[in-house]
PDB file of N, CA and C in Angstrom:
ATOM      1  N   MET A   1      25.717  11.192  -4.072  1.00  0.00           N
ATOM      2  CA  MET A   1      24.339  10.909  -4.475  1.00  0.00           C
ATOM      3  C   MET A   1      23.583  12.316  -4.574  1.00  0.00           C
ATOM      4  N   SER A   2      22.956  12.548  -5.636  1.00  0.00           N
ATOM      5  CA  SER A   2      22.032  13.705  -5.752  1.00  0.00           C
ATOM      6  C   SER A   2      20.624  13.302  -5.616  1.00  0.00           C
ATOM      7  N   VAL A   3      19.861  14.183  -5.022  1.00  0.00           N
ATOM      8  CA  VAL A   3      18.474  13.979  -4.892  1.00  0.00           C
ATOM      9  C   VAL A   3      17.819  15.376  -5.116  1.00  0.00           C
ATOM     10  N   SER A   4      16.951  15.519  -6.095  1.00  0.00           N
ATOM     11  CA  SER A   4      16.352  16.724  -6.283  1.00  0.00           C
ATOM     12  C   SER A   4      15.295  17.009  -5.309  1.00  0.00           C
ATOM     13  N   ALA A   5      14.909  18.239  -5.102  1.00  0.00           N
ATOM     14  CA  ALA A   5      13.904  18.690  -4.121  1.00  0.00           C
ATOM     15  C   ALA A   5      12.618  18.398  -4.799  1.00  0.00           C
ATOM     16  N   SER A   6      11.715  17.884  -4.072  1.00  0.00           N
ATOM     17  CA  SER A   6      10.437  17.499  -4.553  1.00  0.00           C
ATOM     18  C   SER A   6       9.344  17.467  -3.464  1.00  0.00           C
ATOM     19  N   PRO A   7       8.168  17.954  -3.704  1.00  0.00           N
ATOM     20  CA  PRO A   7       7.100  17.892  -2.820  1.00  0.00           C
ATOM     21  C   PRO A   7       6.534  16.426  -2.710  1.00  0.00           C
ATOM     22  N   ASP A   8       6.952  15.671  -3.691  1.00  0.00           N
ATOM     23  CA  ASP A   8       6.302  14.343  -3.825  1.00  0.00           C
ATOM     24  C   ASP A   8       7.150  13.241  -3.174  1.00  0.00           C
ATOM     25  N   THR A   9       7.480  13.239  -2.100  1.00  0.00           N
ATOM     26  CA  THR A   9       8.297  12.281  -1.398  1.00  0.00           C
ATOM     27  C   THR A   9       7.521  11.003  -1.154  1.00  0.00           C
ATOM     28  N   ALA A  10       6.078  11.102  -1.143  1.00  0.00           N
ATOM     29  CA  ALA A  10       5.337   9.891  -1.099  1.00  0.00           C
ATOM     30  C   ALA A  10       5.529   9.035  -2.316  1.00  0.00           C
ATOM     31  N   ALA A  11       5.665   9.689  -3.483  1.00  0.00           N
ATOM     32  CA  ALA A  11       5.767   9.011  -4.707  1.00  0.00           C
ATOM     33  C   ALA A  11       7.224   8.408  -4.683  1.00  0.00           C
ATOM     34  N   LEU A  12       8.215   8.983  -4.219  1.00  0.00           N
ATOM     35  CA  LEU A  12       9.576   8.363  -4.150  1.00  0.00           C
ATOM     36  C   LEU A  12       9.484   7.178  -3.246  1.00  0.00           C
ATOM     37  N   ALA A  13       8.845   7.165  -2.147  1.00  0.00           N
ATOM     38  CA  ALA A  13       8.749   6.007  -1.263  1.00  0.00           C
ATOM     39  C   ALA A  13       7.929   4.825  -1.999  1.00  0.00           C
ATOM     40  N   ALA A  14       6.877   5.187  -2.774  1.00  0.00           N
ATOM     41  CA  ALA A  14       6.249   4.209  -3.665  1.00  0.00           C
ATOM     42  C   ALA A  14       7.217   3.569  -4.740  1.00  0.00           C
ATOM     43  N   CYS A  15       8.129   4.468  -5.224  1.00  0.00           N
ATOM     44  CA  CYS A  15       9.086   3.938  -6.265  1.00  0.00           C
ATOM     45  C   CYS A  15      10.097   2.969  -5.462  1.00  0.00           C
ATOM     46  N   HIS A  16      10.501   3.311  -4.310  1.00  0.00           N
ATOM     47  CA  HIS A  16      11.408   2.383  -3.590  1.00  0.00           C
ATOM     48  C   HIS A  16      10.745   1.051  -3.215  1.00  0.00           C
ATOM     49  N   GLU A  17       9.455   1.116  -2.980  1.00  0.00           N
ATOM     50  CA  GLU A  17       8.660  -0.101  -2.824  1.00  0.00           C
ATOM     51  C   GLU A  17       8.701  -1.125  -4.118  1.00  0.00           C
ATOM     52  N   ARG A  18       8.457  -0.411  -5.265  1.00  0.00           N
ATOM     53  CA  ARG A  18       8.366  -1.150  -6.490  1.00  0.00           C
ATOM     54  C   ARG A  18       9.898  -1.716  -6.720  1.00  0.00           C
ATOM     55  N   LEU A  19      10.929  -0.969  -6.384  1.00  0.00           N
ATOM     56  CA  LEU A  19      12.242  -1.408  -6.645  1.00  0.00           C
ATOM     57  C   LEU A  19      12.645  -2.558  -5.693  1.00  0.00           C
ATOM     58  N   ARG A  20      12.152  -2.557  -4.607  1.00  0.00           N
ATOM     59  CA  ARG A  20      12.498  -3.814  -3.503  1.00  0.00           C
ATOM     60  C   ARG A  20      11.900  -5.060  -4.052  1.00  0.00           C
ATOM     61  N   VAL A  21      10.859  -5.066  -4.927  1.00  0.00           N
ATOM     62  CA  VAL A  21      10.358  -6.248  -5.434  1.00  0.00           C
ATOM     63  C   VAL A  21      11.200  -6.711  -6.511  1.00  0.00           C
ATOM     64  N   VAL A  22      11.967  -5.864  -7.221  1.00  0.00           N
ATOM     65  CA  VAL A  22      12.782  -6.425  -8.408  1.00  0.00           C
ATOM     66  C   VAL A  22      13.912  -7.160  -7.863  1.00  0.00           C
ATOM     67  N   PHE A  23      14.458  -6.901  -6.613  1.00  0.00           N
ATOM     68  CA  PHE A  23      15.809  -7.561  -6.284  1.00  0.00           C
ATOM     69  C   PHE A  23      15.518  -8.543  -5.073  1.00  0.00           C
ATOM     70  N   ALA A  24      16.352  -9.498  -4.999  1.00  0.00           N
ATOM     71  CA  ALA A  24      16.309 -10.433  -3.974  1.00  0.00           C
ATOM     72  C   ALA A  24      16.529  -9.810  -2.530  1.00  0.00           C
ATOM     73  N   PRO A  25      15.943 -10.333  -1.576  1.00  0.00           N
ATOM     74  CA  PRO A  25      16.081  -9.593  -0.191  1.00  0.00           C
ATOM     75  C   PRO A  25      17.529  -9.464   0.302  1.00  0.00           C
ATOM     76  N   ASP A  26      18.391 -10.422  -0.120  1.00  0.00           N
ATOM     77  CA  ASP A  26      19.877 -10.311   0.299  1.00  0.00           C
ATOM     78  C   ASP A  26      20.874  -9.676  -0.769  1.00  0.00           C
ATOM     79  N   GLN A  27      20.192  -9.089  -1.748  1.00  0.00           N
ATOM     80  CA  GLN A  27      21.055  -8.543  -2.908  1.00  0.00           C
ATOM     81  C   GLN A  27      21.433  -7.181  -2.568  1.00  0.00           C
ATOM     82  N   PRO A  28      22.720  -6.897  -2.645  1.00  0.00           N
ATOM     83  CA  PRO A  28      23.189  -5.504  -2.353  1.00  0.00           C
ATOM     84  C   PRO A  28      22.762  -4.533  -3.381  1.00  0.00           C
ATOM     85  N   VAL A  29      22.068  -3.521  -3.046  1.00  0.00           N
ATOM     86  CA  VAL A  29      21.581  -2.537  -3.945  1.00  0.00           C
ATOM     87  C   VAL A  29      21.814  -1.055  -3.329  1.00  0.00           C
ATOM     88  N   PHE A  30      22.432  -0.215  -4.055  1.00  0.00           N
ATOM     89  CA  PHE A  30      22.749   1.087  -3.656  1.00  0.00           C
ATOM     90  C   PHE A  30      22.300   2.171  -4.581  1.00  0.00           C
ATOM     91  N   ILE A  31      21.446   3.069  -4.198  1.00  0.00           N
ATOM     92  CA  ILE A  31      20.868   4.203  -4.878  1.00  0.00           C
ATOM     93  C   ILE A  31      21.896   5.273  -5.104  1.00  0.00           C
ATOM     94  N   THR A  32      22.360   5.645  -6.245  1.00  0.00           N
ATOM     95  CA  THR A  32      23.345   6.636  -6.449  1.00  0.00           C
ATOM     96  C   THR A  32      22.747   7.836  -7.064  1.00  0.00           C
ATOM     97  N   ASP A  33      21.462   7.953  -7.466  1.00  0.00           N
ATOM     98  CA  ASP A  33      20.955   9.218  -7.926  1.00  0.00           C
ATOM     99  C   ASP A  33      19.409   9.090  -7.985  1.00  0.00           C
ATOM    100  N   GLU A  34      18.767  10.183  -7.604  1.00  0.00           N
ATOM    101  CA  GLU A  34      17.357  10.218  -7.676  1.00  0.00           C
ATOM    102  C   GLU A  34      16.982  11.587  -8.152  1.00  0.00           C
ATOM    103  N   VAL A  35      16.291  11.850  -9.294  1.00  0.00           N
ATOM    104  CA  VAL A  35      15.960  13.099  -9.805  1.00  0.00           C
ATOM    105  C   VAL A  35      14.477  13.116 -10.166  1.00  0.00           C
ATOM    106  N   TYR A  36      13.802  14.152  -9.556  1.00  0.00           N
ATOM    107  CA  TYR A  36      12.405  14.222  -9.710  1.00  0.00           C
ATOM    108  C   TYR A  36      12.120  15.288 -11.112  1.00  0.00           C
ATOM    109  N   ASP A  37      11.164  14.724 -11.877  1.00  0.00           N
ATOM    110  CA  ASP A  37      10.867  15.732 -13.090  1.00  0.00           C
ATOM    111  C   ASP A  37       9.443  15.996 -12.964  1.00  0.00           C
ATOM    112  N   PRO A  38       9.133  17.271 -12.633  1.00  0.00           N
ATOM    113  CA  PRO A  38       7.751  17.604 -12.380  1.00  0.00           C
ATOM    114  C   PRO A  38       6.807  17.631 -13.629  1.00  0.00           C
ATOM    115  N   VAL A  39       7.483  17.695 -14.858  1.00  0.00           N
ATOM    116  CA  VAL A  39       6.685  17.568 -16.005  1.00  0.00           C
ATOM    117  C   VAL A  39       5.992  16.350 -16.221  1.00  0.00           C
ATOM    118  N   GLY A  40       6.692  15.127 -15.770  1.00  0.00           N
ATOM    119  CA  GLY A  40       6.089  13.850 -16.041  1.00  0.00           C
ATOM    120  C   GLY A  40       4.716  13.720 -15.284  1.00  0.00           C
ATOM    121  N   PRO A  41       4.675  13.891 -14.068  1.00  0.00           N
ATOM    122  CA  PRO A  41       5.634  13.827 -13.064  1.00  0.00           C
ATOM    123  C   PRO A  41       6.317  12.396 -13.081  1.00  0.00           C
ATOM    124  N   LEU A  42       7.469  12.336 -12.767  1.00  0.00           N
ATOM    125  CA  LEU A  42       8.303  11.110 -12.629  1.00  0.00           C
ATOM    126  C   LEU A  42       9.508  11.260 -11.831  1.00  0.00           C
ATOM    127  N   TRP A  43       9.982  10.090 -11.344  1.00  0.00           N
ATOM    128  CA  TRP A  43      11.214  10.038 -10.659  1.00  0.00           C
ATOM    129  C   TRP A  43      12.230   9.304 -11.485  1.00  0.00           C
ATOM    130  N   ARG A  44      13.436   9.666 -11.780  1.00  0.00           N
ATOM    131  CA  ARG A  44      14.418   8.868 -12.388  1.00  0.00           C
ATOM    132  C   ARG A  44      15.474   8.390 -11.309  1.00  0.00           C
ATOM    133  N   VAL A  45      15.651   7.089 -11.266  1.00  0.00           N
ATOM    134  CA  VAL A  45      16.587   6.615 -10.151  1.00  0.00           C
ATOM    135  C   VAL A  45      17.611   5.773 -10.942  1.00  0.00           C
ATOM    136  N   THR A  46      18.795   5.989 -10.375  1.00  0.00           N
ATOM    137  CA  THR A  46      19.979   5.264 -10.872  1.00  0.00           C
ATOM    138  C   THR A  46      20.539   4.418  -9.626  1.00  0.00           C
ATOM    139  N   LEU A  47      20.809   3.132  -9.863  1.00  0.00           N
ATOM    140  CA  LEU A  47      21.246   2.337  -8.752  1.00  0.00           C
ATOM    141  C   LEU A  47      22.290   1.429  -9.291  1.00  0.00           C
ATOM    142  N   VAL A  48      23.047   0.849  -8.268  1.00  0.00           N
ATOM    143  CA  VAL A  48      24.068  -0.135  -8.505  1.00  0.00           C
ATOM    144  C   VAL A  48      23.824  -1.326  -7.766  1.00  0.00           C
ATOM    145  N   HIS A  49      23.930  -2.494  -8.381  1.00  0.00           N
ATOM    146  CA  HIS A  49      23.597  -3.783  -7.753  1.00  0.00           C
ATOM    147  C   HIS A  49      24.609  -4.859  -8.159  1.00  0.00           C
ATOM    148  N   ARG A  50      24.633  -5.786  -7.262  1.00  0.00           N
ATOM    149  CA  ARG A  50      25.548  -7.147  -7.656  1.00  0.00           C
ATOM    150  C   ARG A  50      24.583  -8.281  -7.847  1.00  0.00           C
ATOM    151  N   ASP A  51      24.927  -8.926  -9.073  1.00  0.00           N
ATOM    152  CA  ASP A  51      24.019 -10.161  -9.461  1.00  0.00           C
ATOM    153  C   ASP A  51      24.538 -11.313  -8.685  1.00  0.00           C
ATOM    154  N   THR A  52      23.869 -12.492  -8.942  1.00  0.00           N
ATOM    155  CA  THR A  52      24.114 -13.675  -8.246  1.00  0.00           C
ATOM    156  C   THR A  52      25.583 -14.290  -8.497  1.00  0.00           C
ATOM    157  N   HIS A  53      26.175 -13.706  -9.634  1.00  0.00           N
ATOM    158  CA  HIS A  53      27.621 -14.267 -10.025  1.00  0.00           C
ATOM    159  C   HIS A  53      28.704 -13.289  -9.454  1.00  0.00           C
ATOM    160  N   GLY A  54      28.270 -12.216  -8.730  1.00  0.00           N
ATOM    161  CA  GLY A  54      29.172 -11.342  -8.047  1.00  0.00           C
ATOM    162  C   GLY A  54      29.565 -10.188  -9.046  1.00  0.00           C
ATOM    163  N   ASN A  55      28.970 -10.037 -10.040  1.00  0.00           N
ATOM    164  CA  ASN A  55      29.167  -8.943 -10.954  1.00  0.00           C
ATOM    165  C   ASN A  55      28.360  -7.801 -10.638  1.00  0.00           C
ATOM    166  N   TRP A  56      28.969  -6.522 -10.880  1.00  0.00           N
ATOM    167  CA  TRP A  56      28.167  -5.343 -10.518  1.00  0.00           C
ATOM    168  C   TRP A  56      27.683  -4.655 -11.763  1.00  0.00           C
ATOM    169  N   TYR A  57      26.468  -4.035 -11.624  1.00  0.00           N
ATOM    170  CA  TYR A  57      25.812  -3.340 -12.745  1.00  0.00           C
ATOM    171  C   TYR A  57      25.258  -2.038 -12.250  1.00  0.00           C
ATOM    172  N   ARG A  58      25.250  -1.031 -13.144  1.00  0.00           N
ATOM    173  CA  ARG A  58      24.411   0.146 -12.906  1.00  0.00           C
ATOM    174  C   ARG A  58      23.167   0.069 -13.867  1.00  0.00           C
ATOM    175  N   ARG A  59      22.048   0.304 -13.070  1.00  0.00           N
ATOM    176  CA  ARG A  59      20.755   0.215 -13.607  1.00  0.00           C
ATOM    177  C   ARG A  59      20.092   1.587 -13.552  1.00  0.00           C
ATOM    178  N   ARG A  60      19.090   1.896 -14.519  1.00  0.00           N
ATOM    179  CA  ARG A  60      18.481   3.149 -14.464  1.00  0.00           C
ATOM    180  C   ARG A  60      16.806   2.671 -14.588  1.00  0.00           C
ATOM    181  N   TYR A  61      16.055   3.325 -13.789  1.00  0.00           N
ATOM    182  CA  TYR A  61      14.639   3.080 -13.739  1.00  0.00           C
ATOM    183  C   TYR A  61      13.924   4.566 -13.880  1.00  0.00           C
ATOM    184  N   ARG A  62      12.765   4.335 -14.264  1.00  0.00           N
ATOM    185  CA  ARG A  62      11.934   5.640 -14.419  1.00  0.00           C
ATOM    186  C   ARG A  62      10.598   5.211 -13.683  1.00  0.00           C
ATOM    187  N   TYR A  63      10.177   5.987 -12.640  1.00  0.00           N
ATOM    188  CA  TYR A  63       8.961   5.691 -12.002  1.00  0.00           C
ATOM    189  C   TYR A  63       7.954   6.800 -12.360  1.00  0.00           C
ATOM    190  N   ASP A  64       6.825   6.357 -13.004  1.00  0.00           N
ATOM    191  CA  ASP A  64       5.756   7.331 -13.507  1.00  0.00           C
ATOM    192  C   ASP A  64       4.739   7.446 -12.347  1.00  0.00           C
ATOM    193  N   VAL A  65       4.765   8.700 -11.802  1.00  0.00           N
ATOM    194  CA  VAL A  65       3.914   8.897 -10.626  1.00  0.00           C
ATOM    195  C   VAL A  65       2.419   8.685 -10.781  1.00  0.00           C
ATOM    196  N   PRO A  66       1.782   9.385 -11.984  1.00  0.00           N
ATOM    197  CA  PRO A  66       0.377   9.154 -12.150  1.00  0.00           C
ATOM    198  C   PRO A  66      -0.105   7.697 -12.274  1.00  0.00           C
ATOM    199  N   SER A  67       0.665   6.906 -13.000  1.00  0.00           N
ATOM    200  CA  SER A  67       0.247   5.526 -13.300  1.00  0.00           C
ATOM    201  C   SER A  67       0.862   4.585 -12.238  1.00  0.00           C
ATOM    202  N   ASP A  68       1.710   5.034 -11.228  1.00  0.00           N
ATOM    203  CA  ASP A  68       2.289   4.170 -10.341  1.00  0.00           C
ATOM    204  C   ASP A  68       3.035   2.989 -10.975  1.00  0.00           C
ATOM    205  N   THR A  69       3.844   3.249 -12.073  1.00  0.00           N
ATOM    206  CA  THR A  69       4.475   2.286 -12.695  1.00  0.00           C
ATOM    207  C   THR A  69       5.978   2.456 -12.863  1.00  0.00           C
ATOM    208  N   LEU A  70       6.757   1.271 -12.567  1.00  0.00           N
ATOM    209  CA  LEU A  70       8.289   1.495 -12.764  1.00  0.00           C
ATOM    210  C   LEU A  70       8.580   0.844 -13.974  1.00  0.00           C
ATOM    211  N   TYR A  71       9.446   1.733 -14.762  1.00  0.00           N
ATOM    212  CA  TYR A  71       9.993   1.248 -16.027  1.00  0.00           C
ATOM    213  C   TYR A  71      11.569   1.090 -15.914  1.00  0.00           C
ATOM    214  N   PHE A  72      11.981  -0.126 -16.449  1.00  0.00           N
ATOM    215  CA  PHE A  72      13.380  -0.416 -16.590  1.00  0.00           C
ATOM    216  C   PHE A  72      13.895   0.493 -17.641  1.00  0.00           C
ATOM    217  N   ALA A  73      15.076   1.204 -17.499  1.00  0.00           N
ATOM    218  CA  ALA A  73      15.524   2.096 -18.388  1.00  0.00           C
ATOM    219  C   ALA A  73      16.964   1.746 -18.984  1.00  0.00           C
ATOM    220  N   GLY A  74      17.558   0.557 -18.545  1.00  0.00           N
ATOM    221  CA  GLY A  74      18.788   0.164 -19.056  1.00  0.00           C
ATOM    222  C   GLY A  74      19.791  -0.250 -17.897  1.00  0.00           C
ATOM    223  N   GLU A  75      20.800  -1.163 -18.325  1.00  0.00           N
ATOM    224  CA  GLU A  75      21.787  -1.724 -17.439  1.00  0.00           C
ATOM    225  C   GLU A  75      23.055  -1.687 -18.221  1.00  0.00           C
ATOM    226  N   GLN A  76      24.120  -1.414 -17.384  1.00  0.00           N
ATOM    227  CA  GLN A  76      25.481  -1.601 -18.022  1.00  0.00           C
ATOM    228  C   GLN A  76      26.383  -2.084 -16.840  1.00  0.00           C
ATOM    229  N   PRO A  77      27.365  -2.961 -17.198  1.00  0.00           N
ATOM    230  CA  PRO A  77      28.249  -3.497 -16.291  1.00  0.00           C
ATOM    231  C   PRO A  77      29.249  -2.260 -15.806  1.00  0.00           C
ATOM    232  N   ILE A  78      29.745  -2.367 -14.572  1.00  0.00           N
ATOM    233  CA  ILE A  78      30.709  -1.385 -14.036  1.00  0.00           C
ATOM    234  C   ILE A  78      31.877  -2.109 -13.533  1.00  0.00           C
ATOM    235  N   ASN A  79      32.905  -1.492 -13.410  1.00  0.00           N
ATOM    236  CA  ASN A  79      34.197  -2.113 -12.748  1.00  0.00           C
ATOM    237  C   ASN A  79      34.123  -2.045 -11.181  1.00  0.00           C
ATOM    238  N   SER A  80      35.164  -2.799 -10.579  1.00  0.00           N
ATOM    239  CA  SER A  80      35.097  -2.804  -9.084  1.00  0.00           C
ATOM    240  C   SER A  80      35.357  -1.384  -8.450  1.00  0.00           C
ATOM    241  N   ASP A  81      36.083  -0.562  -9.134  1.00  0.00           N
ATOM    242  CA  ASP A  81      36.278   0.722  -8.551  1.00  0.00           C
ATOM    243  C   ASP A  81      34.982   1.554  -8.592  1.00  0.00           C
ATOM    244  N   ASP A  82      34.220   1.464  -9.556  1.00  0.00           N
ATOM    245  CA  ASP A  82      32.895   2.195  -9.598  1.00  0.00           C
ATOM    246  C   ASP A  82      31.893   1.607  -8.654  1.00  0.00           C
ATOM    247  N   ALA A  83      31.996   0.254  -8.510  1.00  0.00           N
ATOM    248  CA  ALA A  83      31.149  -0.328  -7.446  1.00  0.00           C
ATOM    249  C   ALA A  83      31.588   0.096  -6.190  1.00  0.00           C
ATOM    250  N   ARG A  84      32.762   0.144  -5.758  1.00  0.00           N
ATOM    251  CA  ARG A  84      33.256   0.548  -4.429  1.00  0.00           C
ATOM    252  C   ARG A  84      32.761   2.000  -4.278  1.00  0.00           C
ATOM    253  N   ALA A  85      32.926   2.881  -5.198  1.00  0.00           N
ATOM    254  CA  ALA A  85      32.318   4.290  -5.019  1.00  0.00           C
ATOM    255  C   ALA A  85      30.963   4.399  -4.774  1.00  0.00           C
ATOM    256  N   ALA A  86      30.191   3.563  -5.496  1.00  0.00           N
ATOM    257  CA  ALA A  86      28.722   3.526  -5.439  1.00  0.00           C
ATOM    258  C   ALA A  86      28.316   3.046  -4.037  1.00  0.00           C
ATOM    259  N   ARG A  87      29.058   2.037  -3.485  1.00  0.00           N
ATOM    260  CA  ARG A  87      28.871   1.533  -2.027  1.00  0.00           C
ATOM    261  C   ARG A  87      29.177   2.578  -1.073  1.00  0.00           C
ATOM    262  N   ARG A  88      30.146   3.378  -1.251  1.00  0.00           N
ATOM    263  CA  ARG A  88      30.657   4.421  -0.499  1.00  0.00           C
ATOM    264  C   ARG A  88      29.717   5.643  -0.384  1.00  0.00           C
ATOM    265  N   THR A  89      29.314   6.056  -1.522  1.00  0.00           N
ATOM    266  CA  THR A  89      28.596   7.294  -1.576  1.00  0.00           C
ATOM    267  C   THR A  89      27.053   7.123  -1.845  1.00  0.00           C
ATOM    268  N   GLY A  90      26.567   5.910  -2.305  1.00  0.00           N
ATOM    269  CA  GLY A  90      25.181   5.720  -2.463  1.00  0.00           C
ATOM    270  C   GLY A  90      24.415   5.219  -1.112  1.00  0.00           C
ATOM    271  N   ARG A  91      23.210   5.186  -1.183  1.00  0.00           N
ATOM    272  CA  ARG A  91      22.322   4.781  -0.110  1.00  0.00           C
ATOM    273  C   ARG A  91      21.768   3.475  -0.357  1.00  0.00           C
ATOM    274  N   PRO A  92      21.891   2.521   0.652  1.00  0.00           N
ATOM    275  CA  PRO A  92      21.285   1.137   0.453  1.00  0.00           C
ATOM    276  C   PRO A  92      19.770   1.318   0.165  1.00  0.00           C
ATOM    277  N   LEU A  93      19.233   0.520  -0.706  1.00  0.00           N
ATOM    278  CA  LEU A  93      17.765   0.535  -1.082  1.00  0.00           C
ATOM    279  C   LEU A  93      17.052   0.246   0.302  1.00  0.00           C
ATOM    280  N   GLY A  94      17.541  -0.548   1.105  1.00  0.00           N
ATOM    281  CA  GLY A  94      16.863  -0.626   2.455  1.00  0.00           C
ATOM    282  C   GLY A  94      16.248  -2.098   2.582  1.00  0.00           C
ATOM    283  N   ALA A  95      15.644  -2.301   3.685  1.00  0.00           N
ATOM    284  CA  ALA A  95      14.902  -3.664   3.940  1.00  0.00           C
ATOM    285  C   ALA A  95      13.929  -3.923   2.904  1.00  0.00           C
ATOM    286  N   ARG A  96      14.098  -5.074   2.507  1.00  0.00           N
ATOM    287  CA  ARG A  96      13.203  -5.616   1.436  1.00  0.00           C
ATOM    288  C   ARG A  96      12.253  -6.602   1.890  1.00  0.00           C
ATOM    289  N   GLY A  97      11.843  -6.530   3.092  1.00  0.00           N
ATOM    290  CA  GLY A  97      10.856  -7.420   3.641  1.00  0.00           C
ATOM    291  C   GLY A  97       9.575  -7.465   2.842  1.00  0.00           C
ATOM    292  N   ARG A  98       8.991  -8.559   2.712  1.00  0.00           N
ATOM    293  CA  ARG A  98       7.800  -8.710   2.068  1.00  0.00           C
ATOM    294  C   ARG A  98       6.710  -9.339   2.926  1.00  0.00           C
ATOM    295  N   SER A  99       5.580  -8.751   2.752  1.00  0.00           N
ATOM    296  CA  SER A  99       4.317  -9.272   3.628  1.00  0.00           C
ATOM    297  C   SER A  99       3.517 -10.148   2.588  1.00  0.00           C
ATOM    298  N   GLY A 100       2.813 -10.957   3.260  1.00  0.00           N
ATOM    299  CA  GLY A 100       1.926 -11.634   2.341  1.00  0.00           C
ATOM    300  C   GLY A 100       1.442 -13.032   2.768  1.00  0.00           C
TER     301      GLY A 100
END
């Protein structure tokens, strides 16, 4: 997993919070890439997740820092070898507890 250096780790944490809302609390989600673009400024996040039918997908998101908005940027199915590699090298999205 690559993560670019950025002074805006608070924005990355906010991005992760937005992503946690997208997925069910028990859904496996692994972040495989996070790249900061200071021109946006924005974070580009690639992750792998399993759907309710057991199929694995790679998704891309873009988190716009100034507007605090998460944009879906596409999804593609992946095979079991790619899913295994993502689970091995990626980082779990983390606890998706919700308050309210």
